[in-house]
Amino acid sequence: MPNLPELKTLPELKTLMTRLQRHHGAPTVPPAKGPFELVMWENACYLLPDDRRAAVFEGLRTQVGLNPSAILNADKAVLLALAKMGGMRPETRVFRWLEIARITMSEFEGNLDSILKEPYNQARKALKQFPNIGDPGAEKILLFCGSSPGLPLEWNGLRVLTRVGYGRSQKNYGATYRSVQDSLRDKLPRGAAAIARAHLLLREHGQKICRNKGPLCRECPIEDLCLFAMSPRERDVLPTH
């Protein structure tokens, strides 16, 4: 990692979000509602743009039904056709959809909304039973359901904050994540809606401008606040998880 210039104080998260929203516009909230739909949203596709994810998700809603009973009883050919829209390994995707439905029926009596009545840590633990849902994913789902003590980050958003100066980029993804979360303490906006907006803006900025390779620093609305933009050209690349 190159030697970065040091700032006496970190840029205010509120300032960063104001500039990012001015640049990108108000972020688009996922169409999924409630924990079950959000788990399905996370498993709708693999490494494809959000418009493709939305197409697969809407196909599930209209052709199958976004509830566990409908998915378990769906024509497997219909599920497979939709899964093929979602990228590589469609058979694995179908298996995961069926597993999500099965777990919801067997562990939550078909109603995953019931976890929202539980303490936060217990709800997060419950969500981690599902395919592809680790701590950040569970925290994000609860955030979009209106509950979050912190700011969940996927790797695009994590990269943005690390480059600005929050936390420290390390070889281990988990260590980087924890260091950024430590830096964010006492700096978050109030309310789940504002935190969700921050999550989405950071993700979009990481995808479009603050890219892992070939970041567009000259087009960045927070370039003057960013340690990465001030550093030598031998820039670091965050590890993927």
C-alpha atoms as a PDB file:
ATOM      1  CA  MET A   1       0.000   0.000   0.000  1.00  0.00           C
ATOM      2  CA  PRO A   2       1.435   3.437  -0.917  1.00  0.00           C
ATOM      3  CA  ASN A   3       2.095   6.078   1.685  1.00  0.00           C
ATOM      4  CA  LEU A   4      -0.998   8.264   1.806  1.00  0.00           C
ATOM      5  CA  PRO A   5      -1.126  11.865   2.938  1.00  0.00           C
ATOM      6  CA  GLU A   6      -2.713  12.348   6.315  1.00  0.00           C
ATOM      7  CA  LEU A   7      -5.733  14.463   7.158  1.00  0.00           C
ATOM      8  CA  LYS A   8      -6.157  15.939  10.604  1.00  0.00           C
ATOM      9  CA  THR A   9      -9.859  15.114  10.523  1.00  0.00           C
ATOM     10  CA  LEU A  10     -11.935  12.768   8.393  1.00  0.00           C
ATOM     11  CA  PRO A  11     -14.442  14.293   5.994  1.00  0.00           C
ATOM     12  CA  GLU A  12     -17.912  14.362   7.532  1.00  0.00           C
ATOM     13  CA  LEU A  13     -20.051  11.507   6.257  1.00  0.00           C
ATOM     14  CA  LYS A  14     -22.926  13.961   5.801  1.00  0.00           C
ATOM     15  CA  THR A  15     -20.762  16.075   3.481  1.00  0.00           C
ATOM     16  CA  LEU A  16     -19.768  13.034   1.446  1.00  0.00           C
ATOM     17  CA  MET A  17     -23.387  11.903   1.072  1.00  0.00           C
ATOM     18  CA  THR A  18     -24.586  15.375   0.076  1.00  0.00           C
ATOM     19  CA  ARG A  19     -22.019  15.574  -2.707  1.00  0.00           C
ATOM     20  CA  LEU A  20     -22.630  12.009  -3.882  1.00  0.00           C
ATOM     21  CA  GLN A  21     -26.380  12.528  -4.086  1.00  0.00           C
ATOM     22  CA  ARG A  22     -25.896  15.815  -5.944  1.00  0.00           C
ATOM     23  CA  HIS A  23     -23.721  13.926  -8.451  1.00  0.00           C
ATOM     24  CA  HIS A  24     -25.627  10.641  -8.811  1.00  0.00           C
ATOM     25  CA  GLY A  25     -29.145  11.713  -7.861  1.00  0.00           C
ATOM     26  CA  ALA A  26     -31.343  10.093  -5.257  1.00  0.00           C
ATOM     27  CA  PRO A  27     -30.519   6.368  -5.061  1.00  0.00           C
ATOM     28  CA  THR A  28     -32.970   3.723  -6.224  1.00  0.00           C
ATOM     29  CA  VAL A  29     -34.285   1.587  -3.385  1.00  0.00           C
ATOM     30  CA  PRO A  30     -34.594  -2.158  -4.133  1.00  0.00           C
ATOM     31  CA  PRO A  31     -38.157  -3.196  -5.084  1.00  0.00           C
ATOM     32  CA  ALA A  32     -38.067  -6.031  -2.545  1.00  0.00           C
ATOM     33  CA  LYS A  33     -40.192  -5.542   0.574  1.00  0.00           C
ATOM     34  CA  GLY A  34     -39.675  -7.424   3.811  1.00  0.00           C
ATOM     35  CA  PRO A  35     -36.965  -9.929   4.766  1.00  0.00           C
ATOM     36  CA  PHE A  36     -38.108 -12.831   2.567  1.00  0.00           C
ATOM     37  CA  GLU A  37     -38.188 -10.754  -0.608  1.00  0.00           C
ATOM     38  CA  LEU A  38     -34.876  -9.137   0.295  1.00  0.00           C
ATOM     39  CA  VAL A  39     -33.209 -12.548   0.737  1.00  0.00           C
ATOM     40  CA  MET A  40     -34.560 -13.515  -2.681  1.00  0.00           C
ATOM     41  CA  TRP A  41     -33.332 -10.197  -4.116  1.00  0.00           C
ATOM     42  CA  GLU A  42     -29.814 -10.949  -2.877  1.00  0.00           C
ATOM     43  CA  ASN A  43     -29.982 -14.349  -4.582  1.00  0.00           C
ATOM     44  CA  ALA A  44     -31.627 -13.240  -7.830  1.00  0.00           C
ATOM     45  CA  CYS A  45     -28.429 -13.130  -9.884  1.00  0.00           C
ATOM     46  CA  TYR A  46     -24.650 -13.236  -9.778  1.00  0.00           C
ATOM     47  CA  LEU A  47     -22.264 -10.433 -10.831  1.00  0.00           C
ATOM     48  CA  LEU A  48     -24.796  -8.746 -13.101  1.00  0.00           C
ATOM     49  CA  PRO A  49     -26.165  -5.175 -13.179  1.00  0.00           C
ATOM     50  CA  ASP A  50     -29.128  -4.212 -11.044  1.00  0.00           C
ATOM     51  CA  ASP A  51     -31.455  -4.000 -14.033  1.00  0.00           C
ATOM     52  CA  ARG A  52     -30.900  -7.703 -14.688  1.00  0.00           C
ATOM     53  CA  ARG A  53     -31.427  -8.480 -11.006  1.00  0.00           C
ATOM     54  CA  ALA A  54     -34.669  -6.527 -11.117  1.00  0.00           C
ATOM     55  CA  ALA A  55     -35.802  -8.420 -14.236  1.00  0.00           C
ATOM     56  CA  VAL A  56     -35.209 -11.800 -12.574  1.00  0.00           C
ATOM     57  CA  PHE A  57     -36.901 -10.617  -9.393  1.00  0.00           C
ATOM     58  CA  GLU A  58     -39.946  -9.280 -11.239  1.00  0.00           C
ATOM     59  CA  GLY A  59     -40.134 -12.528 -13.209  1.00  0.00           C
ATOM     60  CA  LEU A  60     -40.296 -14.449  -9.951  1.00  0.00           C
ATOM     61  CA  ARG A  61     -43.043 -12.143  -8.726  1.00  0.00           C
ATOM     62  CA  THR A  62     -45.218 -12.371 -11.834  1.00  0.00           C
ATOM     63  CA  GLN A  63     -44.549 -15.921 -13.038  1.00  0.00           C
ATOM     64  CA  VAL A  64     -44.142 -17.756  -9.737  1.00  0.00           C
ATOM     65  CA  GLY A  65     -45.058 -15.626  -6.722  1.00  0.00           C
ATOM     66  CA  LEU A  66     -42.680 -14.185  -4.151  1.00  0.00           C
ATOM     67  CA  ASN A  67     -43.675 -16.306  -1.215  1.00  0.00           C
ATOM     68  CA  PRO A  68     -42.164 -19.573   0.026  1.00  0.00           C
ATOM     69  CA  SER A  69     -45.162 -21.773  -0.757  1.00  0.00           C
ATOM     70  CA  ALA A  70     -45.384 -20.567  -4.363  1.00  0.00           C
ATOM     71  CA  ILE A  71     -41.666 -21.124  -4.929  1.00  0.00           C
ATOM     72  CA  LEU A  72     -41.702 -24.635  -3.476  1.00  0.00           C
ATOM     73  CA  ASN A  73     -44.645 -25.565  -5.697  1.00  0.00           C
ATOM     74  CA  ALA A  74     -43.424 -23.818  -8.854  1.00  0.00           C
ATOM     75  CA  ASP A  75     -42.702 -25.560 -12.131  1.00  0.00           C
ATOM     76  CA  LYS A  76     -38.964 -26.249 -12.043  1.00  0.00           C
ATOM     77  CA  ALA A  77     -38.678 -25.399 -15.730  1.00  0.00           C
ATOM     78  CA  VAL A  78     -40.046 -21.913 -15.029  1.00  0.00           C
ATOM     79  CA  LEU A  79     -37.602 -21.443 -12.163  1.00  0.00           C
ATOM     80  CA  LEU A  80     -34.695 -22.589 -14.311  1.00  0.00           C
ATOM     81  CA  ALA A  81     -35.629 -20.245 -17.161  1.00  0.00           C
ATOM     82  CA  LEU A  82     -35.673 -17.318 -14.755  1.00  0.00           C
ATOM     83  CA  ALA A  83     -32.433 -18.462 -13.124  1.00  0.00           C
ATOM     84  CA  LYS A  84     -30.698 -18.493 -16.516  1.00  0.00           C
ATOM     85  CA  MET A  85     -31.423 -14.760 -16.778  1.00  0.00           C
ATOM     86  CA  GLY A  86     -29.397 -14.328 -13.583  1.00  0.00           C
ATOM     87  CA  GLY A  87     -26.022 -15.446 -14.876  1.00  0.00           C
ATOM     88  CA  MET A  88     -23.724 -18.379 -14.222  1.00  0.00           C
ATOM     89  CA  ARG A  89     -24.784 -21.649 -12.581  1.00  0.00           C
ATOM     90  CA  PRO A  90     -28.559 -21.313 -12.913  1.00  0.00           C
ATOM     91  CA  GLU A  91     -29.161 -24.777 -11.426  1.00  0.00           C
ATOM     92  CA  THR A  92     -27.389 -23.665  -8.246  1.00  0.00           C
ATOM     93  CA  ARG A  93     -29.567 -20.542  -8.191  1.00  0.00           C
ATOM     94  CA  VAL A  94     -32.736 -22.624  -8.402  1.00  0.00           C
ATOM     95  CA  PHE A  95     -31.463 -24.806  -5.567  1.00  0.00           C
ATOM     96  CA  ARG A  96     -30.866 -21.703  -3.451  1.00  0.00           C
ATOM     97  CA  TRP A  97     -34.332 -20.303  -4.151  1.00  0.00           C
ATOM     98  CA  LEU A  98     -35.889 -23.589  -3.084  1.00  0.00           C
ATOM     99  CA  GLU A  99     -33.667 -23.692  -0.011  1.00  0.00           C
ATOM    100  CA  ILE A 100     -34.710 -20.163   0.957  1.00  0.00           C
ATOM    101  CA  ALA A 101     -38.350 -21.187   0.681  1.00  0.00           C
ATOM    102  CA  ARG A 102     -37.785 -24.430   2.583  1.00  0.00           C
ATOM    103  CA  ILE A 103     -35.984 -22.732   5.474  1.00  0.00           C
ATOM    104  CA  THR A 104     -38.712 -20.095   5.694  1.00  0.00           C
ATOM    105  CA  MET A 105     -41.409 -22.762   5.872  1.00  0.00           C
ATOM    106  CA  SER A 106     -39.623 -25.085   8.281  1.00  0.00           C
ATOM    107  CA  GLU A 107     -37.938 -22.587  10.610  1.00  0.00           C
ATOM    108  CA  PHE A 108     -40.298 -19.596  10.485  1.00  0.00           C
ATOM    109  CA  GLU A 109     -43.683 -21.163   9.720  1.00  0.00           C
ATOM    110  CA  GLY A 110     -43.690 -19.501   6.322  1.00  0.00           C
ATOM    111  CA  ASN A 111     -43.455 -15.983   7.740  1.00  0.00           C
ATOM    112  CA  LEU A 112     -39.957 -14.509   7.771  1.00  0.00           C
ATOM    113  CA  ASP A 113     -41.384 -11.159   8.887  1.00  0.00           C
ATOM    114  CA  SER A 114     -41.537 -12.703  12.355  1.00  0.00           C
ATOM    115  CA  ILE A 115     -37.804 -12.068  12.834  1.00  0.00           C
ATOM    116  CA  LEU A 116     -38.462  -8.313  12.864  1.00  0.00           C
ATOM    117  CA  LYS A 117     -40.042  -8.729  16.303  1.00  0.00           C
ATOM    118  CA  GLU A 118     -36.845 -10.276  17.671  1.00  0.00           C
ATOM    119  CA  PRO A 119     -33.785  -8.452  19.102  1.00  0.00           C
ATOM    120  CA  TYR A 120     -31.442  -7.203  16.380  1.00  0.00           C
ATOM    121  CA  ASN A 121     -28.664  -9.759  16.938  1.00  0.00           C
ATOM    122  CA  GLN A 122     -31.144 -12.624  16.955  1.00  0.00           C
ATOM    123  CA  ALA A 123     -32.740 -11.402  13.731  1.00  0.00           C
ATOM    124  CA  ARG A 124     -29.323 -11.107  12.110  1.00  0.00           C
ATOM    125  CA  LYS A 125     -28.448 -14.652  13.188  1.00  0.00           C
ATOM    126  CA  ALA A 126     -31.711 -15.930  11.728  1.00  0.00           C
ATOM    127  CA  LEU A 127     -30.993 -14.372   8.336  1.00  0.00           C
ATOM    128  CA  LYS A 128     -27.536 -15.942   8.194  1.00  0.00           C
ATOM    129  CA  GLN A 129     -29.208 -19.350   7.830  1.00  0.00           C
ATOM    130  CA  PHE A 130     -30.017 -18.439   4.224  1.00  0.00           C
ATOM    131  CA  PRO A 131     -27.755 -18.932   1.182  1.00  0.00           C
ATOM    132  CA  ASN A 132     -25.313 -16.090   0.430  1.00  0.00           C
ATOM    133  CA  ILE A 133     -26.297 -14.111   3.542  1.00  0.00           C
ATOM    134  CA  GLY A 134     -23.415 -13.289   5.879  1.00  0.00           C
ATOM    135  CA  ASP A 135     -23.211 -10.529   8.454  1.00  0.00           C
ATOM    136  CA  PRO A 136     -23.098  -7.610   5.962  1.00  0.00           C
ATOM    137  CA  GLY A 137     -25.991  -9.067   3.962  1.00  0.00           C
ATOM    138  CA  ALA A 138     -28.103  -9.703   7.041  1.00  0.00           C
ATOM    139  CA  GLU A 139     -27.381  -6.201   8.322  1.00  0.00           C
ATOM    140  CA  LYS A 140     -28.358  -4.731   4.946  1.00  0.00           C
ATOM    141  CA  ILE A 141     -31.642  -6.635   4.894  1.00  0.00           C
ATOM    142  CA  LEU A 142     -32.508  -5.429   8.385  1.00  0.00           C
ATOM    143  CA  LEU A 143     -31.535  -1.899   7.364  1.00  0.00           C
ATOM    144  CA  PHE A 144     -34.013  -1.953   4.472  1.00  0.00           C
ATOM    145  CA  CYS A 145     -36.599  -3.281   6.912  1.00  0.00           C
ATOM    146  CA  GLY A 146     -36.053  -0.199   9.076  1.00  0.00           C
ATOM    147  CA  SER A 147     -33.634  -1.528  11.670  1.00  0.00           C
ATOM    148  CA  SER A 148     -29.902  -0.884  11.841  1.00  0.00           C
ATOM    149  CA  PRO A 149     -27.401   0.134  14.527  1.00  0.00           C
ATOM    150  CA  GLY A 150     -24.723   0.770  11.894  1.00  0.00           C
ATOM    151  CA  LEU A 151     -23.925   1.183   8.198  1.00  0.00           C
ATOM    152  CA  PRO A 152     -23.704  -2.134   6.321  1.00  0.00           C
ATOM    153  CA  LEU A 153     -21.250  -2.015   3.434  1.00  0.00           C
ATOM    154  CA  GLU A 154     -20.665  -4.199   0.413  1.00  0.00           C
ATOM    155  CA  TRP A 155     -17.249  -4.055  -1.182  1.00  0.00           C
ATOM    156  CA  ASN A 156     -17.902  -1.074  -3.467  1.00  0.00           C
ATOM    157  CA  GLY A 157     -19.007   1.121  -0.589  1.00  0.00           C
ATOM    158  CA  LEU A 158     -16.207  -0.172   1.590  1.00  0.00           C
ATOM    159  CA  ARG A 159     -13.677   0.767  -1.084  1.00  0.00           C
ATOM    160  CA  VAL A 160     -15.026   4.324  -1.313  1.00  0.00           C
ATOM    161  CA  LEU A 161     -14.803   4.933   2.425  1.00  0.00           C
ATOM    162  CA  THR A 162     -11.362   3.354   2.717  1.00  0.00           C
ATOM    163  CA  ARG A 163     -10.002   5.523  -0.080  1.00  0.00           C
ATOM    164  CA  VAL A 164     -11.450   8.640   1.515  1.00  0.00           C
ATOM    165  CA  GLY A 165      -9.652   7.785   4.732  1.00  0.00           C
ATOM    166  CA  TYR A 166     -12.043   5.777   6.891  1.00  0.00           C
ATOM    167  CA  GLY A 167     -10.352   2.721   8.368  1.00  0.00           C
ATOM    168  CA  ARG A 168      -7.397   1.131   6.654  1.00  0.00           C
ATOM    169  CA  SER A 169      -7.077  -1.053   3.574  1.00  0.00           C
ATOM    170  CA  GLN A 170      -5.635  -4.434   4.583  1.00  0.00           C
ATOM    171  CA  LYS A 171      -5.018  -7.739   2.854  1.00  0.00           C
ATOM    172  CA  ASN A 172      -7.800  -9.350   4.844  1.00  0.00           C
ATOM    173  CA  TYR A 173     -11.262  -8.156   3.780  1.00  0.00           C
ATOM    174  CA  GLY A 174     -12.769  -8.737   7.218  1.00  0.00           C
ATOM    175  CA  ALA A 175     -10.047  -6.700   8.909  1.00  0.00           C
ATOM    176  CA  THR A 176     -10.619  -3.849   6.450  1.00  0.00           C
ATOM    177  CA  TYR A 177     -14.356  -3.989   7.075  1.00  0.00           C
ATOM    178  CA  ARG A 178     -13.925  -3.856  10.838  1.00  0.00           C
ATOM    179  CA  SER A 179     -11.484  -0.955  10.648  1.00  0.00           C
ATOM    180  CA  VAL A 180     -13.937   1.088   8.570  1.00  0.00           C
ATOM    181  CA  GLN A 181     -16.803   0.283  10.922  1.00  0.00           C
ATOM    182  CA  ASP A 182     -14.670   1.448  13.845  1.00  0.00           C
ATOM    183  CA  SER A 183     -14.016   4.736  12.048  1.00  0.00           C
ATOM    184  CA  LEU A 184     -17.730   5.213  11.380  1.00  0.00           C
ATOM    185  CA  ARG A 185     -18.773   5.084  15.020  1.00  0.00           C
ATOM    186  CA  ASP A 186     -20.579   8.241  16.124  1.00  0.00           C
ATOM    187  CA  LYS A 187     -20.532   9.585  12.558  1.00  0.00           C
ATOM    188  CA  LEU A 188     -23.678   7.991  11.119  1.00  0.00           C
ATOM    189  CA  PRO A 189     -26.838   9.874  10.153  1.00  0.00           C
ATOM    190  CA  ARG A 190     -29.924   9.319  12.266  1.00  0.00           C
ATOM    191  CA  GLY A 191     -32.597   6.933  11.118  1.00  0.00           C
ATOM    192  CA  ALA A 192     -32.613   3.785   9.000  1.00  0.00           C
ATOM    193  CA  ALA A 193     -33.791   5.646   5.877  1.00  0.00           C
ATOM    194  CA  ALA A 194     -30.798   8.013   5.924  1.00  0.00           C
ATOM    195  CA  ILE A 195     -28.388   5.140   6.570  1.00  0.00           C
ATOM    196  CA  ALA A 196     -29.940   3.117   3.745  1.00  0.00           C
ATOM    197  CA  ARG A 197     -29.484   6.097   1.426  1.00  0.00           C
ATOM    198  CA  ALA A 198     -25.820   6.297   2.425  1.00  0.00           C
ATOM    199  CA  HIS A 199     -25.370   2.578   1.752  1.00  0.00           C
ATOM    200  CA  LEU A 200     -26.872   2.893  -1.733  1.00  0.00           C
ATOM    201  CA  LEU A 201     -24.954   6.050  -2.645  1.00  0.00           C
ATOM    202  CA  LEU A 202     -21.626   4.552  -1.596  1.00  0.00           C
ATOM    203  CA  ARG A 203     -22.369   1.389  -3.555  1.00  0.00           C
ATOM    204  CA  GLU A 204     -23.298   3.329  -6.698  1.00  0.00           C
ATOM    205  CA  HIS A 205     -20.264   5.587  -6.438  1.00  0.00           C
ATOM    206  CA  GLY A 206     -17.977   2.573  -6.076  1.00  0.00           C
ATOM    207  CA  GLN A 207     -19.518   0.940  -9.132  1.00  0.00           C
ATOM    208  CA  LYS A 208     -19.460   3.965 -11.422  1.00  0.00           C
ATOM    209  CA  ILE A 209     -16.646   6.289 -10.334  1.00  0.00           C
ATOM    210  CA  CYS A 210     -14.501   4.908  -7.496  1.00  0.00           C
ATOM    211  CA  ARG A 211     -13.921   1.660  -9.354  1.00  0.00           C
ATOM    212  CA  ASN A 212     -11.545  -1.033  -8.180  1.00  0.00           C
ATOM    213  CA  LYS A 213      -9.518  -0.705 -11.377  1.00  0.00           C
ATOM    214  CA  GLY A 214      -9.316   2.522 -13.326  1.00  0.00           C
ATOM    215  CA  PRO A 215     -11.095   4.836 -10.875  1.00  0.00           C
ATOM    216  CA  LEU A 216     -12.356   8.053 -12.463  1.00  0.00           C
ATOM    217  CA  CYS A 217     -10.866  10.431  -9.909  1.00  0.00           C
ATOM    218  CA  ARG A 218     -11.100  13.473 -12.194  1.00  0.00           C
ATOM    219  CA  GLU A 219     -14.889  12.964 -12.373  1.00  0.00           C
ATOM    220  CA  CYS A 220     -15.307  12.378  -8.652  1.00  0.00           C
ATOM    221  CA  PRO A 221     -17.368  14.905  -6.659  1.00  0.00           C
ATOM    222  CA  ILE A 222     -15.362  14.164  -3.506  1.00  0.00           C
ATOM    223  CA  GLU A 223     -11.886  14.169  -5.066  1.00  0.00           C
ATOM    224  CA  ASP A 224     -10.713  17.078  -2.910  1.00  0.00           C
ATOM    225  CA  LEU A 225     -11.669  15.151   0.246  1.00  0.00           C
ATOM    226  CA  CYS A 226     -10.105  11.838  -0.780  1.00  0.00           C
ATOM    227  CA  LEU A 227      -6.739  10.548   0.408  1.00  0.00           C
ATOM    228  CA  PHE A 228      -6.617   8.107  -2.486  1.00  0.00           C
ATOM    229  CA  ALA A 229      -6.993  10.909  -5.045  1.00  0.00           C
ATOM    230  CA  MET A 230      -4.133  12.788  -3.332  1.00  0.00           C
ATOM    231  CA  SER A 231      -1.825   9.758  -3.285  1.00  0.00           C
ATOM    232  CA  PRO A 232       0.827   8.713  -5.842  1.00  0.00           C
ATOM    233  CA  ARG A 233      -0.378   6.875  -8.911  1.00  0.00           C
ATOM    234  CA  GLU A 234       0.722   3.486  -7.473  1.00  0.00           C
ATOM    235  CA  ARG A 235      -2.654   3.120  -5.811  1.00  0.00           C
ATOM    236  CA  ASP A 236      -3.854   0.276  -3.636  1.00  0.00           C
ATOM    237  CA  VAL A 237      -6.610  -2.102  -4.601  1.00  0.00           C
ATOM    238  CA  LEU A 238      -8.904  -3.422  -1.907  1.00  0.00           C
ATOM    239  CA  PRO A 239      -9.052  -7.215  -1.559  1.00  0.00           C
ATOM    240  CA  THR A 240     -12.224  -8.912  -2.715  1.00  0.00           C
ATOM    241  CA  HIS A 241     -14.082 -11.176  -0.334  1.00  0.00           C
END
